[in-house]
């Protein structure tokens, strides 16, 4: 996916910030739409598909966290949250809601651009492949490695961009543990304990989608002292 193929949605109640972000990202080569609040964003999303949503957390009415949780019920579009709150627990809350990344204000526009590009690079290419698909079986779950798709029976299991990237990482080395630090690195995030905790949150969310009993994981196992391991059938 190239910059010129990517359509971004900015959701921010501050008209000045909304305008500045849109102008900056358009100059960077993106197609950009903007919404003034959650309700406006819902109307736009009802008619258009986006490659990434950049959303402010602190908005009047429905805030960014609540909107993120709601959108995650029906879509997997990557979400980057912007907020004046930069504490670890606030970031964890954002990731638990389904966000793919979290950028505290104030921030440099260049950092925003780097994070946007990093997220877009992590989104798997699900275009058709000519070769036969390689599939991992996790109980009644099937994961198509080449397409980056997960199926349960005839139903497509919706994965967020981060969850898709985690499955891509684990499916490349089934049966081998991957450390939390390596996961943070492969996900393109800054090193540190907070980011490793954020990975733990993403693992917990992924387990809810693939495990018969997420509290006793069978397929996405914790390997003490080594990290996490995908153990397909």
C-alpha atoms as a PDB file:
ATOM      1  CA  UNK A   1       0.000   0.000   0.000  1.00  0.00           C
ATOM      2  CA  UNK A   2       1.474   3.336  -1.024  1.00  0.00           C
ATOM      3  CA  UNK A   3       0.787   6.773   0.396  1.00  0.00           C
ATOM      4  CA  UNK A   4      -1.209   7.743  -2.680  1.00  0.00           C
ATOM      5  CA  UNK A   5      -3.462   4.704  -2.271  1.00  0.00           C
ATOM      6  CA  UNK A   6      -4.278   5.515   1.361  1.00  0.00           C
ATOM      7  CA  UNK A   7      -7.402   7.324   2.530  1.00  0.00           C
ATOM      8  CA  UNK A   8      -7.254   8.675   6.088  1.00  0.00           C
ATOM      9  CA  UNK A   9     -10.050   9.921   8.350  1.00  0.00           C
ATOM     10  CA  UNK A  10      -9.272  12.568  10.985  1.00  0.00           C
ATOM     11  CA  UNK A  11     -11.731  12.818  13.890  1.00  0.00           C
ATOM     12  CA  UNK A  12     -11.140  15.879  16.114  1.00  0.00           C
ATOM     13  CA  UNK A  13     -13.497  18.476  17.582  1.00  0.00           C
ATOM     14  CA  UNK A  14     -10.840  21.224  17.375  1.00  0.00           C
ATOM     15  CA  UNK A  15     -11.336  22.844  13.971  1.00  0.00           C
ATOM     16  CA  UNK A  16      -7.855  24.388  13.925  1.00  0.00           C
ATOM     17  CA  UNK A  17      -6.067  21.118  14.708  1.00  0.00           C
ATOM     18  CA  UNK A  18      -8.320  19.255  12.293  1.00  0.00           C
ATOM     19  CA  UNK A  19      -7.440  21.658   9.525  1.00  0.00           C
ATOM     20  CA  UNK A  20      -3.713  21.628  10.241  1.00  0.00           C
ATOM     21  CA  UNK A  21      -3.567  17.831  10.317  1.00  0.00           C
ATOM     22  CA  UNK A  22      -5.515  17.552   7.099  1.00  0.00           C
ATOM     23  CA  UNK A  23      -3.289  20.093   5.336  1.00  0.00           C
ATOM     24  CA  UNK A  24      -0.102  18.386   6.534  1.00  0.00           C
ATOM     25  CA  UNK A  25      -1.226  14.868   5.564  1.00  0.00           C
ATOM     26  CA  UNK A  26      -2.511  15.991   2.159  1.00  0.00           C
ATOM     27  CA  UNK A  27       0.895  17.523   1.489  1.00  0.00           C
ATOM     28  CA  UNK A  28       2.424  14.166   2.469  1.00  0.00           C
ATOM     29  CA  UNK A  29       0.428  12.557  -0.329  1.00  0.00           C
ATOM     30  CA  UNK A  30      -2.594  11.112   1.476  1.00  0.00           C
ATOM     31  CA  UNK A  31      -6.246  11.415   0.605  1.00  0.00           C
ATOM     32  CA  UNK A  32      -7.794  12.862   3.769  1.00  0.00           C
ATOM     33  CA  UNK A  33     -11.335  13.311   5.084  1.00  0.00           C
ATOM     34  CA  UNK A  34     -12.247  14.920   8.396  1.00  0.00           C
ATOM     35  CA  UNK A  35     -15.018  14.637  11.000  1.00  0.00           C
ATOM     36  CA  UNK A  36     -15.797  17.101  13.787  1.00  0.00           C
ATOM     37  CA  UNK A  37     -17.073  14.554  16.308  1.00  0.00           C
ATOM     38  CA  UNK A  38     -18.023  10.897  16.771  1.00  0.00           C
ATOM     39  CA  UNK A  39     -21.492  11.288  15.269  1.00  0.00           C
ATOM     40  CA  UNK A  40     -20.048  12.980  12.171  1.00  0.00           C
ATOM     41  CA  UNK A  41     -17.428  10.228  11.891  1.00  0.00           C
ATOM     42  CA  UNK A  42     -20.114   7.531  12.017  1.00  0.00           C
ATOM     43  CA  UNK A  43     -21.976   9.146   9.136  1.00  0.00           C
ATOM     44  CA  UNK A  44     -18.811   9.317   7.025  1.00  0.00           C
ATOM     45  CA  UNK A  45     -17.820   5.734   7.874  1.00  0.00           C
ATOM     46  CA  UNK A  46     -21.259   4.505   6.870  1.00  0.00           C
ATOM     47  CA  UNK A  47     -20.504   5.441   3.272  1.00  0.00           C
ATOM     48  CA  UNK A  48     -16.724   5.259   2.879  1.00  0.00           C
ATOM     49  CA  UNK A  49     -13.917   2.848   3.639  1.00  0.00           C
ATOM     50  CA  UNK A  50     -10.651   4.146   5.091  1.00  0.00           C
ATOM     51  CA  UNK A  51      -7.148   2.754   5.484  1.00  0.00           C
ATOM     52  CA  UNK A  52      -6.552   4.498   8.820  1.00  0.00           C
ATOM     53  CA  UNK A  53      -8.498   6.569  11.356  1.00  0.00           C
ATOM     54  CA  UNK A  54      -6.667   9.269  13.354  1.00  0.00           C
ATOM     55  CA  UNK A  55      -8.872  10.099  16.329  1.00  0.00           C
ATOM     56  CA  UNK A  56      -8.724  12.509  19.251  1.00  0.00           C
ATOM     57  CA  UNK A  57      -9.649  10.942  22.584  1.00  0.00           C
ATOM     58  CA  UNK A  58     -11.033  14.016  24.362  1.00  0.00           C
ATOM     59  CA  UNK A  59     -14.134  14.996  22.398  1.00  0.00           C
ATOM     60  CA  UNK A  60     -17.514  16.285  23.632  1.00  0.00           C
ATOM     61  CA  UNK A  61     -20.276  13.714  23.607  1.00  0.00           C
ATOM     62  CA  UNK A  62     -18.933  10.296  22.662  1.00  0.00           C
ATOM     63  CA  UNK A  63     -15.185  10.307  23.266  1.00  0.00           C
ATOM     64  CA  UNK A  64     -12.513   8.597  21.186  1.00  0.00           C
ATOM     65  CA  UNK A  65     -12.182   5.579  23.487  1.00  0.00           C
ATOM     66  CA  UNK A  66     -15.905   4.811  23.323  1.00  0.00           C
ATOM     67  CA  UNK A  67     -15.994   5.301  19.560  1.00  0.00           C
ATOM     68  CA  UNK A  68     -12.984   3.028  19.125  1.00  0.00           C
ATOM     69  CA  UNK A  69     -14.647   0.258  21.147  1.00  0.00           C
ATOM     70  CA  UNK A  70     -17.821   0.612  19.113  1.00  0.00           C
ATOM     71  CA  UNK A  71     -16.054   0.601  15.741  1.00  0.00           C
ATOM     72  CA  UNK A  72     -14.093  -2.508  16.694  1.00  0.00           C
ATOM     73  CA  UNK A  73     -17.366  -4.450  16.802  1.00  0.00           C
ATOM     74  CA  UNK A  74     -17.815  -4.097  13.042  1.00  0.00           C
ATOM     75  CA  UNK A  75     -14.514  -3.053  11.431  1.00  0.00           C
ATOM     76  CA  UNK A  76     -10.790  -3.686  11.544  1.00  0.00           C
ATOM     77  CA  UNK A  77      -9.586  -0.331  10.157  1.00  0.00           C
ATOM     78  CA  UNK A  78      -6.406   0.686  12.039  1.00  0.00           C
ATOM     79  CA  UNK A  79      -6.964   3.455  14.606  1.00  0.00           C
ATOM     80  CA  UNK A  80      -4.342   5.912  15.897  1.00  0.00           C
ATOM     81  CA  UNK A  81      -5.464   7.762  19.019  1.00  0.00           C
ATOM     82  CA  UNK A  82      -4.322  11.315  19.792  1.00  0.00           C
ATOM     83  CA  UNK A  83      -4.616  12.647  23.329  1.00  0.00           C
ATOM     84  CA  UNK A  84      -3.177  15.064  25.837  1.00  0.00           C
ATOM     85  CA  UNK A  85      -2.978  12.150  28.271  1.00  0.00           C
ATOM     86  CA  UNK A  86       0.311  10.333  27.945  1.00  0.00           C
ATOM     87  CA  UNK A  87       0.441   8.196  31.072  1.00  0.00           C
ATOM     88  CA  UNK A  88       0.986   4.460  30.752  1.00  0.00           C
ATOM     89  CA  UNK A  89      -2.465   3.545  32.062  1.00  0.00           C
ATOM     90  CA  UNK A  90      -4.091   5.882  29.544  1.00  0.00           C
ATOM     91  CA  UNK A  91      -2.203   4.188  26.725  1.00  0.00           C
ATOM     92  CA  UNK A  92      -3.234   0.770  28.013  1.00  0.00           C
ATOM     93  CA  UNK A  93      -6.870   1.918  28.056  1.00  0.00           C
ATOM     94  CA  UNK A  94      -6.548   2.978  24.445  1.00  0.00           C
ATOM     95  CA  UNK A  95      -5.054  -0.346  23.376  1.00  0.00           C
ATOM     96  CA  UNK A  96      -7.710  -2.257  25.318  1.00  0.00           C
ATOM     97  CA  UNK A  97     -10.354  -0.318  23.404  1.00  0.00           C
ATOM     98  CA  UNK A  98      -8.871  -1.599  20.142  1.00  0.00           C
ATOM     99  CA  UNK A  99      -6.466   1.152  19.089  1.00  0.00           C
ATOM    100  CA  UNK A 100      -3.400   0.193  17.043  1.00  0.00           C
ATOM    101  CA  UNK A 101      -1.218   3.052  18.257  1.00  0.00           C
ATOM    102  CA  UNK A 102      -1.335   6.000  20.640  1.00  0.00           C
ATOM    103  CA  UNK A 103       0.339   9.400  20.235  1.00  0.00           C
ATOM    104  CA  UNK A 104       0.281  11.883  23.154  1.00  0.00           C
ATOM    105  CA  UNK A 105      -0.036  15.613  22.498  1.00  0.00           C
ATOM    106  CA  UNK A 106       1.830  17.759  21.792  1.00  0.00           C
ATOM    107  CA  UNK A 107       3.603  15.897  19.014  1.00  0.00           C
ATOM    108  CA  UNK A 108       5.783  16.719  16.054  1.00  0.00           C
ATOM    109  CA  UNK A 109       3.983  16.345  12.707  1.00  0.00           C
ATOM    110  CA  UNK A 110       6.919  14.279  11.442  1.00  0.00           C
ATOM    111  CA  UNK A 111       6.374  11.755  14.259  1.00  0.00           C
ATOM    112  CA  UNK A 112       2.702  11.495  13.340  1.00  0.00           C
ATOM    113  CA  UNK A 113       3.685  10.833   9.727  1.00  0.00           C
ATOM    114  CA  UNK A 114       6.173   8.152  10.773  1.00  0.00           C
ATOM    115  CA  UNK A 115       3.565   6.409  12.912  1.00  0.00           C
ATOM    116  CA  UNK A 116       0.934   6.600  10.173  1.00  0.00           C
ATOM    117  CA  UNK A 117       3.330   5.044   7.665  1.00  0.00           C
ATOM    118  CA  UNK A 118       4.380   2.374  10.171  1.00  0.00           C
ATOM    119  CA  UNK A 119       0.754   1.367  10.789  1.00  0.00           C
ATOM    120  CA  UNK A 120      -0.015   1.225   7.076  1.00  0.00           C
ATOM    121  CA  UNK A 121       3.033  -0.982   6.493  1.00  0.00           C
ATOM    122  CA  UNK A 122       1.738  -3.416   9.124  1.00  0.00           C
ATOM    123  CA  UNK A 123      -1.636  -3.852   7.471  1.00  0.00           C
ATOM    124  CA  UNK A 124      -1.457  -7.170   5.610  1.00  0.00           C
ATOM    125  CA  UNK A 125      -2.029  -7.356   1.887  1.00  0.00           C
ATOM    126  CA  UNK A 126      -5.076  -9.595   1.484  1.00  0.00           C
ATOM    127  CA  UNK A 127      -5.100  -9.514  -2.310  1.00  0.00           C
ATOM    128  CA  UNK A 128      -5.578 -12.805  -4.065  1.00  0.00           C
ATOM    129  CA  UNK A 129      -2.549 -15.017  -4.453  1.00  0.00           C
ATOM    130  CA  UNK A 130      -1.997 -17.395  -7.365  1.00  0.00           C
ATOM    131  CA  UNK A 131      -0.396 -20.124  -5.299  1.00  0.00           C
ATOM    132  CA  UNK A 132      -2.344 -22.486  -3.059  1.00  0.00           C
ATOM    133  CA  UNK A 133      -2.987 -20.998   0.394  1.00  0.00           C
ATOM    134  CA  UNK A 134      -1.044 -22.205   3.397  1.00  0.00           C
ATOM    135  CA  UNK A 135      -3.363 -22.693   6.333  1.00  0.00           C
ATOM    136  CA  UNK A 136      -2.818 -23.169  10.067  1.00  0.00           C
ATOM    137  CA  UNK A 137      -5.526 -24.920  12.073  1.00  0.00           C
ATOM    138  CA  UNK A 138      -6.291 -23.783  15.620  1.00  0.00           C
ATOM    139  CA  UNK A 139      -9.175 -26.033  16.607  1.00  0.00           C
ATOM    140  CA  UNK A 140     -12.139 -24.844  14.542  1.00  0.00           C
ATOM    141  CA  UNK A 141     -10.200 -21.715  13.537  1.00  0.00           C
ATOM    142  CA  UNK A 142      -8.356 -21.624  10.189  1.00  0.00           C
ATOM    143  CA  UNK A 143      -5.676 -19.026   9.507  1.00  0.00           C
ATOM    144  CA  UNK A 144      -4.680 -18.446   5.890  1.00  0.00           C
ATOM    145  CA  UNK A 145      -1.059 -17.312   6.116  1.00  0.00           C
ATOM    146  CA  UNK A 146      -0.763 -15.882   2.627  1.00  0.00           C
ATOM    147  CA  UNK A 147      -4.016 -13.941   2.707  1.00  0.00           C
ATOM    148  CA  UNK A 148      -3.709 -12.946   6.351  1.00  0.00           C
ATOM    149  CA  UNK A 149      -7.297 -14.115   6.916  1.00  0.00           C
ATOM    150  CA  UNK A 150      -8.793 -15.999   9.840  1.00  0.00           C
ATOM    151  CA  UNK A 151     -11.928 -18.095   9.468  1.00  0.00           C
ATOM    152  CA  UNK A 152     -14.245 -19.930  11.830  1.00  0.00           C
ATOM    153  CA  UNK A 153     -16.354 -22.193   9.671  1.00  0.00           C
ATOM    154  CA  UNK A 154     -17.727 -19.971   6.912  1.00  0.00           C
ATOM    155  CA  UNK A 155     -17.372 -16.807   9.006  1.00  0.00           C
ATOM    156  CA  UNK A 156     -14.458 -14.428   8.598  1.00  0.00           C
ATOM    157  CA  UNK A 157     -12.963 -13.517  11.983  1.00  0.00           C
ATOM    158  CA  UNK A 158     -12.312  -9.783  12.056  1.00  0.00           C
ATOM    159  CA  UNK A 159      -8.773  -8.903  13.145  1.00  0.00           C
ATOM    160  CA  UNK A 160      -7.417  -5.445  13.863  1.00  0.00           C
ATOM    161  CA  UNK A 161      -4.268  -4.330  12.075  1.00  0.00           C
ATOM    162  CA  UNK A 162      -2.161  -5.130  15.140  1.00  0.00           C
ATOM    163  CA  UNK A 163      -3.805  -8.532  15.610  1.00  0.00           C
ATOM    164  CA  UNK A 164      -3.168  -9.320  11.947  1.00  0.00           C
ATOM    165  CA  UNK A 165       0.481  -8.400  12.331  1.00  0.00           C
ATOM    166  CA  UNK A 166       0.801 -10.559  15.454  1.00  0.00           C
ATOM    167  CA  UNK A 167      -0.668 -13.538  13.586  1.00  0.00           C
ATOM    168  CA  UNK A 168       1.759 -12.896  10.729  1.00  0.00           C
ATOM    169  CA  UNK A 169       4.685 -12.877  13.169  1.00  0.00           C
ATOM    170  CA  UNK A 170       3.597 -16.023  15.005  1.00  0.00           C
ATOM    171  CA  UNK A 171       2.609 -17.954  11.871  1.00  0.00           C
ATOM    172  CA  UNK A 172       6.103 -17.419  10.468  1.00  0.00           C
ATOM    173  CA  UNK A 173       7.518 -19.542  13.291  1.00  0.00           C
ATOM    174  CA  UNK A 174       4.829 -21.853  14.715  1.00  0.00           C
ATOM    175  CA  UNK A 175       6.051 -23.813  17.714  1.00  0.00           C
ATOM    176  CA  UNK A 176       8.821 -21.309  18.467  1.00  0.00           C
ATOM    177  CA  UNK A 177       8.461 -18.744  21.285  1.00  0.00           C
ATOM    178  CA  UNK A 178       8.742 -15.055  20.424  1.00  0.00           C
ATOM    179  CA  UNK A 179       9.862 -12.676  23.163  1.00  0.00           C
ATOM    180  CA  UNK A 180       7.817  -9.637  24.135  1.00  0.00           C
ATOM    181  CA  UNK A 181      10.765  -7.401  23.207  1.00  0.00           C
ATOM    182  CA  UNK A 182      10.918  -8.986  19.728  1.00  0.00           C
ATOM    183  CA  UNK A 183       7.165  -8.511  19.286  1.00  0.00           C
ATOM    184  CA  UNK A 184       7.497  -4.832  20.213  1.00  0.00           C
ATOM    185  CA  UNK A 185      10.317  -4.465  17.673  1.00  0.00           C
ATOM    186  CA  UNK A 186       8.451  -6.304  14.899  1.00  0.00           C
ATOM    187  CA  UNK A 187       5.345  -4.207  15.526  1.00  0.00           C
ATOM    188  CA  UNK A 188       7.424  -1.087  14.890  1.00  0.00           C
ATOM    189  CA  UNK A 189       7.002   0.411  18.339  1.00  0.00           C
ATOM    190  CA  UNK A 190       9.432   2.073  20.703  1.00  0.00           C
ATOM    191  CA  UNK A 191      11.172  -0.216  23.130  1.00  0.00           C
ATOM    192  CA  UNK A 192      10.208  -0.160  26.787  1.00  0.00           C
ATOM    193  CA  UNK A 193       8.180  -1.831  29.511  1.00  0.00           C
ATOM    194  CA  UNK A 194       5.037   0.156  28.667  1.00  0.00           C
ATOM    195  CA  UNK A 195       5.056  -1.126  25.078  1.00  0.00           C
ATOM    196  CA  UNK A 196       5.616  -4.695  26.276  1.00  0.00           C
ATOM    197  CA  UNK A 197       2.566  -4.319  28.525  1.00  0.00           C
ATOM    198  CA  UNK A 198       0.650  -3.021  25.514  1.00  0.00           C
ATOM    199  CA  UNK A 199       1.647  -6.181  23.622  1.00  0.00           C
ATOM    200  CA  UNK A 200       0.272  -8.238  26.512  1.00  0.00           C
ATOM    201  CA  UNK A 201      -3.056  -6.453  26.051  1.00  0.00           C
ATOM    202  CA  UNK A 202      -3.068  -7.236  22.326  1.00  0.00           C
ATOM    203  CA  UNK A 203      -2.266 -10.896  23.049  1.00  0.00           C
ATOM    204  CA  UNK A 204      -5.189 -11.067  25.475  1.00  0.00           C
ATOM    205  CA  UNK A 205      -7.533  -9.639  22.835  1.00  0.00           C
ATOM    206  CA  UNK A 206      -6.245 -12.033  20.173  1.00  0.00           C
ATOM    207  CA  UNK A 207      -6.749 -14.996  22.491  1.00  0.00           C
ATOM    208  CA  UNK A 208     -10.412 -14.086  22.853  1.00  0.00           C
ATOM    209  CA  UNK A 209     -10.779 -14.686  19.132  1.00  0.00           C
ATOM    210  CA  UNK A 210      -8.851 -17.950  18.767  1.00  0.00           C
ATOM    211  CA  UNK A 211      -9.050 -19.759  22.097  1.00  0.00           C
ATOM    212  CA  UNK A 212     -11.958 -21.931  23.310  1.00  0.00           C
ATOM    213  CA  UNK A 213     -11.009 -20.753  26.823  1.00  0.00           C
ATOM    214  CA  UNK A 214      -8.869 -17.582  26.709  1.00  0.00           C
ATOM    215  CA  UNK A 215      -7.999 -17.958  30.405  1.00  0.00           C
ATOM    216  CA  UNK A 216      -6.401 -21.329  29.638  1.00  0.00           C
ATOM    217  CA  UNK A 217      -4.785 -20.690  26.238  1.00  0.00           C
ATOM    218  CA  UNK A 218      -4.116 -23.753  24.120  1.00  0.00           C
ATOM    219  CA  UNK A 219      -3.008 -22.234  20.818  1.00  0.00           C
ATOM    220  CA  UNK A 220      -1.391 -18.917  21.787  1.00  0.00           C
ATOM    221  CA  UNK A 221       0.634 -20.062  24.739  1.00  0.00           C
ATOM    222  CA  UNK A 222       2.742 -18.186  27.269  1.00  0.00           C
ATOM    223  CA  UNK A 223       6.227 -19.677  27.488  1.00  0.00           C
ATOM    224  CA  UNK A 224       7.677 -18.758  30.854  1.00  0.00           C
ATOM    225  CA  UNK A 225      10.825 -16.703  30.471  1.00  0.00           C
ATOM    226  CA  UNK A 226      10.649 -16.827  26.653  1.00  0.00           C
ATOM    227  CA  UNK A 227       7.514 -14.948  25.548  1.00  0.00           C
ATOM    228  CA  UNK A 228       4.560 -16.232  23.514  1.00  0.00           C
ATOM    229  CA  UNK A 229       4.238 -19.154  21.108  1.00  0.00           C
ATOM    230  CA  UNK A 230       1.657 -20.150  18.509  1.00  0.00           C
ATOM    231  CA  UNK A 231       0.921 -23.875  18.775  1.00  0.00           C
ATOM    232  CA  UNK A 232      -1.345 -24.900  15.886  1.00  0.00           C
ATOM    233  CA  UNK A 233      -2.854 -28.392  15.561  1.00  0.00           C
END
